[in-house]
Amino acid sequence: MEYITLSDIKVHLRLDDIIDEDTYLESLGNSAESLALAKIGRTTEELTEMGTEAVSQFKVLALMIVADYYAQREASSTAQFHVTPAALGIICSLRKLKVQK
C-alpha cells in the first residue's frame, strides 16, 4: 500500500485489537488503492503531483472502498464496490484536479 497503512485501515474499521487479519486487511488495502486509482483515472505519480489535498481525498476514498470490501467479505467473489454519493464526489473531484507542476 502506498497511501493508506494497516493502522489507517484498523482505525477506520474499528479493529484496533485484531491482529489475526492483518494480511487480509493489507490485501484489501492494496485492492482498494488499485481500484481508487482506476476510478479516478490517475497514476500514483500523478496523484502525488496533485498535492497533499488530493492525496488526503484519495486516502478517504481508499478507506471507503476497504470498508465496503470488508463489509462484503462473506459475500460472493463477484461483489463490487458500491459508489456512494460521498465516494462519487471524491472521484469526480480528483478527476478534475490538475496536476501541479
N, C-alpha and C. Protein backbone atom coordinates (compact mmCIF):
# COMPACT_ATOMS: atom_id res chain seq x y z
N MET A 1 0.86 -1.18 0.00
CA MET A 1 0.00 0.00 0.00
C MET A 1 0.89 1.23 0.00
N GLU A 2 0.54 2.16 -0.82
CA GLU A 2 1.37 3.35 -0.94
C GLU A 2 0.81 4.54 -0.15
N TYR A 3 -0.50 4.63 -0.02
CA TYR A 3 -1.10 5.81 0.60
C TYR A 3 -1.76 5.54 1.94
N ILE A 4 -2.41 4.40 2.09
CA ILE A 4 -3.03 4.08 3.37
C ILE A 4 -2.20 3.00 4.05
N THR A 5 -2.28 2.97 5.36
CA THR A 5 -1.50 2.00 6.13
C THR A 5 -2.44 1.00 6.80
N LEU A 6 -1.87 -0.08 7.29
CA LEU A 6 -2.64 -1.06 8.04
C LEU A 6 -3.28 -0.39 9.25
N SER A 7 -2.55 0.50 9.89
CA SER A 7 -3.07 1.23 11.04
C SER A 7 -4.28 2.08 10.64
N ASP A 8 -4.19 2.77 9.49
CA ASP A 8 -5.33 3.57 8.99
C ASP A 8 -6.56 2.68 8.82
N ILE A 9 -6.35 1.51 8.23
CA ILE A 9 -7.46 0.60 7.97
C ILE A 9 -8.08 0.13 9.28
N LYS A 10 -7.25 -0.28 10.23
CA LYS A 10 -7.76 -0.76 11.51
C LYS A 10 -8.54 0.31 12.25
N VAL A 11 -8.05 1.53 12.24
CA VAL A 11 -8.77 2.63 12.90
C VAL A 11 -10.10 2.87 12.19
N HIS A 12 -10.06 2.91 10.86
CA HIS A 12 -11.27 3.17 10.09
C HIS A 12 -12.34 2.10 10.32
N LEU A 13 -11.91 0.85 10.42
CA LEU A 13 -12.85 -0.26 10.63
C LEU A 13 -13.10 -0.57 12.10
N ARG A 14 -12.44 0.18 12.98
CA ARG A 14 -12.53 -0.02 14.43
C ARG A 14 -12.10 -1.45 14.81
N LEU A 15 -10.95 -1.85 14.29
CA LEU A 15 -10.41 -3.19 14.55
C LEU A 15 -9.05 -3.11 15.24
N ASP A 16 -8.86 -2.16 16.11
CA ASP A 16 -7.56 -1.91 16.73
C ASP A 16 -6.94 -3.15 17.38
N ASP A 17 -7.74 -3.99 17.99
CA ASP A 17 -7.21 -5.12 18.76
C ASP A 17 -7.07 -6.41 17.96
N ILE A 18 -7.47 -6.40 16.71
CA ILE A 18 -7.44 -7.63 15.90
C ILE A 18 -6.12 -7.72 15.14
N ILE A 19 -5.37 -8.79 15.37
CA ILE A 19 -4.10 -8.95 14.66
C ILE A 19 -4.09 -10.13 13.70
N ASP A 20 -5.03 -11.05 13.85
CA ASP A 20 -5.01 -12.24 13.01
C ASP A 20 -5.53 -11.98 11.59
N GLU A 21 -6.00 -10.80 11.31
CA GLU A 21 -6.49 -10.46 9.97
C GLU A 21 -5.59 -9.46 9.25
N ASP A 22 -4.39 -9.21 9.75
CA ASP A 22 -3.52 -8.20 9.17
C ASP A 22 -3.23 -8.44 7.69
N THR A 23 -2.89 -9.67 7.33
CA THR A 23 -2.58 -9.98 5.94
C THR A 23 -3.80 -9.74 5.05
N TYR A 24 -4.96 -10.16 5.52
CA TYR A 24 -6.20 -9.95 4.78
C TYR A 24 -6.50 -8.46 4.62
N LEU A 25 -6.35 -7.70 5.71
CA LEU A 25 -6.61 -6.26 5.65
C LEU A 25 -5.64 -5.55 4.72
N GLU A 26 -4.39 -5.98 4.71
CA GLU A 26 -3.41 -5.39 3.78
C GLU A 26 -3.79 -5.69 2.34
N SER A 27 -4.29 -6.88 2.07
CA SER A 27 -4.71 -7.19 0.70
C SER A 27 -5.91 -6.35 0.30
N LEU A 28 -6.82 -6.10 1.24
CA LEU A 28 -7.94 -5.20 0.95
C LEU A 28 -7.44 -3.79 0.65
N GLY A 29 -6.44 -3.35 1.42
CA GLY A 29 -5.88 -2.02 1.20
C GLY A 29 -5.23 -1.90 -0.17
N ASN A 30 -4.48 -2.91 -0.57
CA ASN A 30 -3.85 -2.89 -1.89
C ASN A 30 -4.90 -2.87 -3.00
N SER A 31 -5.92 -3.70 -2.85
CA SER A 31 -7.00 -3.73 -3.85
C SER A 31 -7.75 -2.41 -3.90
N ALA A 32 -8.00 -1.84 -2.73
CA ALA A 32 -8.73 -0.57 -2.66
C ALA A 32 -7.95 0.56 -3.34
N GLU A 33 -6.65 0.62 -3.09
CA GLU A 33 -5.84 1.66 -3.74
C GLU A 33 -5.84 1.49 -5.26
N SER A 34 -5.73 0.26 -5.72
CA SER A 34 -5.74 0.00 -7.17
C SER A 34 -7.07 0.40 -7.78
N LEU A 35 -8.18 0.04 -7.12
CA LEU A 35 -9.49 0.41 -7.64
C LEU A 35 -9.68 1.92 -7.61
N ALA A 36 -9.26 2.56 -6.54
CA ALA A 36 -9.42 4.01 -6.43
C ALA A 36 -8.64 4.73 -7.53
N LEU A 37 -7.42 4.28 -7.80
CA LEU A 37 -6.63 4.87 -8.89
C LEU A 37 -7.33 4.67 -10.23
N ALA A 38 -7.89 3.50 -10.44
CA ALA A 38 -8.61 3.24 -11.70
C ALA A 38 -9.85 4.13 -11.81
N LYS A 39 -10.56 4.29 -10.71
CA LYS A 39 -11.78 5.10 -10.72
C LYS A 39 -11.48 6.57 -11.03
N ILE A 40 -10.35 7.07 -10.53
CA ILE A 40 -10.03 8.48 -10.78
C ILE A 40 -9.21 8.67 -12.05
N GLY A 41 -8.77 7.58 -12.65
CA GLY A 41 -8.02 7.67 -13.90
C GLY A 41 -6.66 8.33 -13.75
N ARG A 42 -5.99 8.04 -12.63
CA ARG A 42 -4.68 8.64 -12.34
C ARG A 42 -3.66 7.56 -12.00
N THR A 43 -2.39 7.91 -12.18
CA THR A 43 -1.30 7.06 -11.71
C THR A 43 -0.89 7.55 -10.32
N THR A 44 -0.09 6.75 -9.62
CA THR A 44 0.39 7.20 -8.31
C THR A 44 1.24 8.45 -8.45
N GLU A 45 2.00 8.54 -9.52
CA GLU A 45 2.85 9.72 -9.74
C GLU A 45 1.99 10.97 -9.94
N GLU A 46 0.95 10.85 -10.75
CA GLU A 46 0.06 12.00 -10.98
C GLU A 46 -0.63 12.42 -9.69
N LEU A 47 -1.10 11.45 -8.94
CA LEU A 47 -1.79 11.77 -7.69
C LEU A 47 -0.86 12.50 -6.73
N THR A 48 0.35 12.03 -6.58
CA THR A 48 1.32 12.67 -5.69
C THR A 48 1.61 14.10 -6.16
N GLU A 49 1.73 14.29 -7.46
CA GLU A 49 1.99 15.62 -8.01
C GLU A 49 0.82 16.58 -7.81
N MET A 50 -0.37 16.04 -7.60
CA MET A 50 -1.55 16.89 -7.40
C MET A 50 -1.55 17.56 -6.03
N GLY A 51 -0.72 17.09 -5.11
CA GLY A 51 -0.59 17.75 -3.83
C GLY A 51 -1.25 17.03 -2.68
N THR A 52 -1.03 17.58 -1.49
CA THR A 52 -1.47 16.93 -0.26
C THR A 52 -2.99 16.84 -0.13
N GLU A 53 -3.71 17.83 -0.61
CA GLU A 53 -5.18 17.79 -0.52
C GLU A 53 -5.72 16.64 -1.36
N ALA A 54 -5.19 16.47 -2.54
CA ALA A 54 -5.62 15.36 -3.40
C ALA A 54 -5.29 14.01 -2.76
N VAL A 55 -4.11 13.91 -2.19
CA VAL A 55 -3.71 12.66 -1.53
C VAL A 55 -4.62 12.38 -0.34
N SER A 56 -4.97 13.40 0.42
CA SER A 56 -5.88 13.23 1.57
C SER A 56 -7.25 12.73 1.10
N GLN A 57 -7.77 13.30 0.03
CA GLN A 57 -9.05 12.86 -0.51
C GLN A 57 -8.95 11.42 -1.00
N PHE A 58 -7.84 11.10 -1.64
CA PHE A 58 -7.62 9.74 -2.13
C PHE A 58 -7.62 8.73 -0.99
N LYS A 59 -6.97 9.08 0.12
CA LYS A 59 -6.93 8.19 1.28
C LYS A 59 -8.34 7.90 1.79
N VAL A 60 -9.17 8.94 1.85
CA VAL A 60 -10.55 8.75 2.30
C VAL A 60 -11.28 7.81 1.35
N LEU A 61 -11.12 8.02 0.06
CA LEU A 61 -11.75 7.15 -0.93
C LEU A 61 -11.28 5.71 -0.78
N ALA A 62 -9.99 5.50 -0.64
CA ALA A 62 -9.46 4.15 -0.49
C ALA A 62 -10.01 3.48 0.77
N LEU A 63 -10.12 4.23 1.86
CA LEU A 63 -10.67 3.67 3.10
C LEU A 63 -12.16 3.35 2.96
N MET A 64 -12.88 4.15 2.19
CA MET A 64 -14.29 3.84 1.92
C MET A 64 -14.40 2.51 1.18
N ILE A 65 -13.51 2.30 0.23
CA ILE A 65 -13.52 1.06 -0.55
C ILE A 65 -13.16 -0.13 0.35
N VAL A 66 -12.14 0.05 1.20
CA VAL A 66 -11.77 -1.02 2.14
C VAL A 66 -12.97 -1.38 3.01
N ALA A 67 -13.65 -0.38 3.54
CA ALA A 67 -14.80 -0.64 4.41
C ALA A 67 -15.88 -1.40 3.66
N ASP A 68 -16.11 -1.04 2.41
CA ASP A 68 -17.11 -1.73 1.61
C ASP A 68 -16.69 -3.18 1.36
N TYR A 69 -15.43 -3.38 0.98
CA TYR A 69 -14.92 -4.74 0.79
C TYR A 69 -15.04 -5.56 2.07
N TYR A 70 -14.68 -4.97 3.19
CA TYR A 70 -14.71 -5.68 4.47
C TYR A 70 -16.14 -6.06 4.84
N ALA A 71 -17.07 -5.16 4.58
CA ALA A 71 -18.48 -5.44 4.90
C ALA A 71 -19.01 -6.57 4.03
N GLN A 72 -18.45 -6.74 2.83
CA GLN A 72 -18.91 -7.77 1.90
C GLN A 72 -18.03 -9.02 1.94
N ARG A 73 -17.18 -9.16 2.93
CA ARG A 73 -16.18 -10.23 2.94
C ARG A 73 -16.77 -11.63 2.85
N GLU A 74 -18.00 -11.80 3.25
CA GLU A 74 -18.61 -13.13 3.18
C GLU A 74 -19.56 -13.26 2.00
N ALA A 75 -19.66 -12.20 1.21
CA ALA A 75 -20.50 -12.25 0.01
C ALA A 75 -19.76 -13.01 -1.08
N SER A 76 -20.39 -13.17 -2.18
CA SER A 76 -19.75 -13.89 -3.28
C SER A 76 -18.55 -13.12 -3.79
N SER A 77 -17.69 -13.80 -4.51
CA SER A 77 -16.48 -13.17 -5.03
C SER A 77 -16.79 -12.15 -6.11
N THR A 78 -18.03 -12.06 -6.55
CA THR A 78 -18.39 -11.10 -7.59
C THR A 78 -18.86 -9.77 -6.99
N ALA A 79 -18.78 -9.62 -5.68
CA ALA A 79 -19.20 -8.38 -5.03
C ALA A 79 -18.37 -7.22 -5.56
N GLN A 80 -19.02 -6.09 -5.73
CA GLN A 80 -18.35 -4.90 -6.27
C GLN A 80 -18.50 -3.75 -5.30
N PHE A 81 -17.60 -2.77 -5.45
CA PHE A 81 -17.65 -1.56 -4.64
C PHE A 81 -18.91 -0.78 -4.96
N HIS A 82 -19.65 -0.40 -3.94
CA HIS A 82 -20.85 0.42 -4.11
C HIS A 82 -20.44 1.88 -4.04
N VAL A 83 -20.59 2.61 -5.12
CA VAL A 83 -20.18 4.01 -5.16
C VAL A 83 -21.25 4.83 -4.46
N THR A 84 -20.91 5.31 -3.28
CA THR A 84 -21.82 6.16 -2.51
C THR A 84 -21.72 7.58 -3.03
N PRO A 85 -22.67 8.44 -2.70
CA PRO A 85 -22.56 9.84 -3.13
C PRO A 85 -21.26 10.50 -2.65
N ALA A 86 -20.83 10.19 -1.44
CA ALA A 86 -19.58 10.77 -0.93
C ALA A 86 -18.39 10.30 -1.75
N ALA A 87 -18.35 9.00 -2.05
CA ALA A 87 -17.25 8.45 -2.86
C ALA A 87 -17.28 9.05 -4.26
N LEU A 88 -18.46 9.18 -4.83
CA LEU A 88 -18.58 9.76 -6.17
C LEU A 88 -18.08 11.21 -6.19
N GLY A 89 -18.36 11.95 -5.14
CA GLY A 89 -17.87 13.32 -5.05
C GLY A 89 -16.36 13.38 -5.05
N ILE A 90 -15.72 12.49 -4.30
CA ILE A 90 -14.25 12.45 -4.28
C ILE A 90 -13.70 12.04 -5.63
N ILE A 91 -14.30 11.01 -6.24
CA ILE A 91 -13.85 10.55 -7.55
C ILE A 91 -13.91 11.68 -8.57
N CYS A 92 -15.04 12.37 -8.62
CA CYS A 92 -15.19 13.47 -9.58
C CYS A 92 -14.20 14.59 -9.30
N SER A 93 -14.00 14.91 -8.04
CA SER A 93 -13.06 15.96 -7.66
C SER A 93 -11.64 15.62 -8.11
N LEU A 94 -11.22 14.39 -7.87
CA LEU A 94 -9.85 14.01 -8.21
C LEU A 94 -9.66 13.85 -9.72
N ARG A 95 -10.72 13.57 -10.43
CA ARG A 95 -10.62 13.51 -11.90
C ARG A 95 -10.41 14.90 -12.48
N LYS A 96 -11.02 15.90 -11.85
CA LYS A 96 -10.98 17.27 -12.38
C LYS A 96 -9.75 18.06 -11.98
N LEU A 97 -9.13 17.70 -10.86
CA LEU A 97 -7.97 18.44 -10.38
C LEU A 97 -6.82 18.36 -11.38
N LYS A 98 -6.12 19.44 -11.52
CA LYS A 98 -4.97 19.48 -12.41
C LYS A 98 -3.72 19.04 -11.65
N VAL A 99 -2.82 18.42 -12.37
CA VAL A 99 -1.53 18.03 -11.79
C VAL A 99 -0.70 19.28 -11.63
N GLN A 100 -0.16 19.50 -10.41
CA GLN A 100 0.69 20.67 -10.15
C GLN A 100 2.07 20.43 -10.73
N LYS A 101 2.62 21.43 -11.36
CA LYS A 101 3.96 21.30 -11.94
C LYS A 101 4.90 22.29 -11.32
